[in-house]
Amino acid sequence: MSILEIALASQIWARRHERRGLAFDESDGLKVLLRVSFVFVAFTLLIAGLNIAPGRPQMLAQHSAAAVMDR
């Protein structure tokens, strides 16, 4: 192969494999907004669950102690 053929083949290969610039569509904005809101709600529920979880053993212990004291 001559240098010209190699250059031409390289140019064709590069054009076939080039990545096109990302265009922003309105649907992309909606997807991003939905994902961000889903992550925010999931994180909020996770934090709320972690805040509630440590209080349950104490509440159970207080109720069981009160039941024993009533007897």
N, C-alpha and C. Protein backbone atom coordinates (compact mmCIF):
# COMPACT_ATOMS: atom_id res chain seq x y z
N MET A 1 0.84 -1.19 0.00
CA MET A 1 0.00 0.00 0.00
C MET A 1 0.87 1.24 0.00
N SER A 2 0.44 2.18 -0.73
CA SER A 2 1.18 3.43 -0.74
C SER A 2 0.75 4.29 0.44
N ILE A 3 1.50 5.31 0.68
CA ILE A 3 1.20 6.22 1.79
C ILE A 3 -0.16 6.88 1.57
N LEU A 4 -0.48 7.18 0.33
CA LEU A 4 -1.77 7.81 0.04
C LEU A 4 -2.93 6.87 0.37
N GLU A 5 -2.80 5.59 0.03
CA GLU A 5 -3.85 4.63 0.35
C GLU A 5 -4.00 4.45 1.86
N ILE A 6 -2.90 4.42 2.58
CA ILE A 6 -2.95 4.29 4.04
C ILE A 6 -3.62 5.50 4.66
N ALA A 7 -3.28 6.69 4.17
CA ALA A 7 -3.88 7.91 4.70
C ALA A 7 -5.37 7.95 4.41
N LEU A 8 -5.76 7.52 3.22
CA LEU A 8 -7.18 7.51 2.85
C LEU A 8 -7.94 6.49 3.70
N ALA A 9 -7.38 5.30 3.90
CA ALA A 9 -8.03 4.29 4.74
C ALA A 9 -8.13 4.77 6.19
N SER A 10 -7.11 5.43 6.66
CA SER A 10 -7.12 5.96 8.02
C SER A 10 -8.20 7.03 8.17
N GLN A 11 -8.34 7.89 7.17
CA GLN A 11 -9.36 8.93 7.21
C GLN A 11 -10.77 8.32 7.20
N ILE A 12 -10.99 7.30 6.38
CA ILE A 12 -12.30 6.64 6.32
C ILE A 12 -12.61 5.98 7.66
N TRP A 13 -11.62 5.28 8.23
CA TRP A 13 -11.84 4.61 9.51
C TRP A 13 -12.15 5.64 10.61
N ALA A 14 -11.44 6.76 10.61
CA ALA A 14 -11.65 7.79 11.63
C ALA A 14 -13.06 8.39 11.52
N ARG A 15 -13.52 8.61 10.32
CA ARG A 15 -14.87 9.18 10.15
C ARG A 15 -15.96 8.21 10.58
N ARG A 16 -15.74 6.94 10.35
CA ARG A 16 -16.74 5.94 10.76
C ARG A 16 -16.81 5.80 12.28
N HIS A 17 -15.70 6.01 12.95
CA HIS A 17 -15.64 5.78 14.39
C HIS A 17 -15.62 7.07 15.22
N GLU A 18 -15.82 8.19 14.60
CA GLU A 18 -15.82 9.43 15.37
C GLU A 18 -17.13 9.56 16.15
N ARG A 19 -17.02 10.17 17.30
CA ARG A 19 -18.21 10.38 18.13
C ARG A 19 -18.80 11.73 17.77
N ARG A 20 -20.07 11.69 17.60
CA ARG A 20 -20.75 12.94 17.25
C ARG A 20 -20.98 13.75 18.51
N GLY A 21 -21.05 15.05 18.35
CA GLY A 21 -21.30 15.92 19.49
C GLY A 21 -22.66 15.65 20.09
N LEU A 22 -22.73 15.69 21.40
CA LEU A 22 -23.98 15.41 22.08
C LEU A 22 -24.91 16.62 21.96
N ALA A 23 -26.08 16.39 21.47
CA ALA A 23 -27.08 17.45 21.36
C ALA A 23 -28.05 17.32 22.52
N PHE A 24 -28.43 18.43 23.10
CA PHE A 24 -29.34 18.43 24.24
C PHE A 24 -30.77 18.52 23.74
N ASP A 25 -31.58 17.53 24.09
CA ASP A 25 -32.99 17.53 23.73
C ASP A 25 -33.81 17.85 24.96
N GLU A 26 -35.07 18.22 24.74
CA GLU A 26 -35.95 18.50 25.86
C GLU A 26 -36.21 17.24 26.68
N SER A 27 -36.29 16.10 26.01
CA SER A 27 -36.52 14.85 26.73
C SER A 27 -35.33 14.50 27.63
N ASP A 28 -34.12 14.91 27.23
CA ASP A 28 -32.95 14.67 28.07
C ASP A 28 -33.06 15.47 29.37
N GLY A 29 -33.54 16.68 29.28
CA GLY A 29 -33.71 17.49 30.48
C GLY A 29 -34.72 16.89 31.43
N LEU A 30 -35.79 16.34 30.88
CA LEU A 30 -36.80 15.69 31.72
C LEU A 30 -36.23 14.45 32.39
N LYS A 31 -35.44 13.68 31.65
CA LYS A 31 -34.82 12.49 32.22
C LYS A 31 -33.88 12.86 33.37
N VAL A 32 -33.09 13.90 33.17
CA VAL A 32 -32.17 14.34 34.22
C VAL A 32 -32.94 14.81 35.43
N LEU A 33 -34.00 15.56 35.23
CA LEU A 33 -34.81 16.05 36.35
C LEU A 33 -35.44 14.89 37.11
N LEU A 34 -35.96 13.90 36.40
CA LEU A 34 -36.56 12.73 37.05
C LEU A 34 -35.52 11.94 37.83
N ARG A 35 -34.35 11.77 37.27
CA ARG A 35 -33.31 11.02 37.97
C ARG A 35 -32.84 11.74 39.22
N VAL A 36 -32.67 13.06 39.12
CA VAL A 36 -32.24 13.83 40.28
C VAL A 36 -33.30 13.79 41.37
N SER A 37 -34.57 13.93 41.00
CA SER A 37 -35.63 13.89 42.00
C SER A 37 -35.74 12.49 42.62
N PHE A 38 -35.56 11.43 41.83
CA PHE A 38 -35.60 10.07 42.37
C PHE A 38 -34.47 9.85 43.36
N VAL A 39 -33.27 10.29 43.02
CA VAL A 39 -32.14 10.13 43.93
C VAL A 39 -32.35 10.94 45.20
N PHE A 40 -32.90 12.14 45.08
CA PHE A 40 -33.16 12.96 46.27
C PHE A 40 -34.17 12.30 47.19
N VAL A 41 -35.26 11.78 46.63
CA VAL A 41 -36.29 11.12 47.44
C VAL A 41 -35.72 9.85 48.08
N ALA A 42 -34.97 9.06 47.32
CA ALA A 42 -34.39 7.83 47.86
C ALA A 42 -33.41 8.15 48.99
N PHE A 43 -32.59 9.16 48.82
CA PHE A 43 -31.62 9.54 49.85
C PHE A 43 -32.34 10.07 51.09
N THR A 44 -33.40 10.84 50.89
CA THR A 44 -34.17 11.36 52.02
C THR A 44 -34.81 10.22 52.80
N LEU A 45 -35.38 9.24 52.10
CA LEU A 45 -35.98 8.08 52.77
C LEU A 45 -34.92 7.25 53.50
N LEU A 46 -33.75 7.13 52.91
CA LEU A 46 -32.68 6.40 53.56
C LEU A 46 -32.25 7.07 54.86
N ILE A 47 -32.07 8.38 54.82
CA ILE A 47 -31.67 9.12 56.02
C ILE A 47 -32.78 9.05 57.07
N ALA A 48 -34.04 9.18 56.66
CA ALA A 48 -35.15 9.09 57.60
C ALA A 48 -35.19 7.70 58.24
N GLY A 49 -34.98 6.67 57.45
CA GLY A 49 -34.96 5.31 57.99
C GLY A 49 -33.82 5.10 58.96
N LEU A 50 -32.66 5.66 58.66
CA LEU A 50 -31.52 5.53 59.57
C LEU A 50 -31.75 6.31 60.86
N ASN A 51 -32.46 7.42 60.78
CA ASN A 51 -32.75 8.19 61.99
C ASN A 51 -33.79 7.51 62.86
N ILE A 52 -34.72 6.80 62.24
CA ILE A 52 -35.78 6.11 62.99
C ILE A 52 -35.23 4.82 63.62
N ALA A 53 -34.36 4.12 62.90
CA ALA A 53 -33.89 2.80 63.33
C ALA A 53 -33.24 2.80 64.72
N PRO A 54 -32.38 3.74 65.08
CA PRO A 54 -31.77 3.68 66.41
C PRO A 54 -32.79 3.90 67.53
N GLY A 55 -33.89 4.58 67.29
CA GLY A 55 -34.86 4.84 68.33
C GLY A 55 -35.72 3.64 68.67
N ARG A 56 -35.87 2.69 67.79
CA ARG A 56 -36.76 1.55 68.03
C ARG A 56 -36.30 0.64 69.17
N PRO A 57 -35.02 0.26 69.26
CA PRO A 57 -34.65 -0.60 70.38
C PRO A 57 -34.87 0.07 71.74
N GLN A 58 -34.66 1.36 71.82
CA GLN A 58 -34.90 2.06 73.08
C GLN A 58 -36.38 2.05 73.41
N MET A 59 -37.22 2.30 72.43
CA MET A 59 -38.66 2.32 72.67
C MET A 59 -39.12 0.93 73.12
N LEU A 60 -38.60 -0.13 72.49
CA LEU A 60 -38.99 -1.48 72.88
C LEU A 60 -38.51 -1.78 74.30
N ALA A 61 -37.30 -1.34 74.61
CA ALA A 61 -36.77 -1.58 75.95
C ALA A 61 -37.57 -0.81 76.99
N GLN A 62 -37.98 0.40 76.69
CA GLN A 62 -38.76 1.19 77.65
C GLN A 62 -40.13 0.55 77.86
N HIS A 63 -40.75 0.06 76.79
CA HIS A 63 -42.07 -0.56 76.94
C HIS A 63 -41.98 -1.87 77.72
N SER A 64 -40.95 -2.67 77.45
CA SER A 64 -40.83 -3.95 78.16
C SER A 64 -40.53 -3.69 79.64
N ALA A 65 -39.74 -2.66 79.93
CA ALA A 65 -39.44 -2.35 81.33
C ALA A 65 -40.71 -1.87 82.04
N ALA A 66 -41.52 -1.10 81.37
CA ALA A 66 -42.75 -0.62 81.98
C ALA A 66 -43.72 -1.79 82.22
N ALA A 67 -43.74 -2.76 81.33
CA ALA A 67 -44.63 -3.91 81.49
C ALA A 67 -44.19 -4.75 82.69
N VAL A 68 -42.90 -4.86 82.91
CA VAL A 68 -42.40 -5.62 84.04
C VAL A 68 -42.70 -4.89 85.34
N MET A 69 -42.61 -3.58 85.32
CA MET A 69 -42.86 -2.80 86.53
C MET A 69 -44.34 -2.83 86.91
N ASP A 70 -45.24 -2.96 85.95
CA ASP A 70 -46.67 -3.01 86.25
C ASP A 70 -47.07 -4.28 86.95
N ARG A 71 -46.35 -5.34 86.76
CA ARG A 71 -46.69 -6.63 87.38
C ARG A 71 -46.39 -6.53 88.82
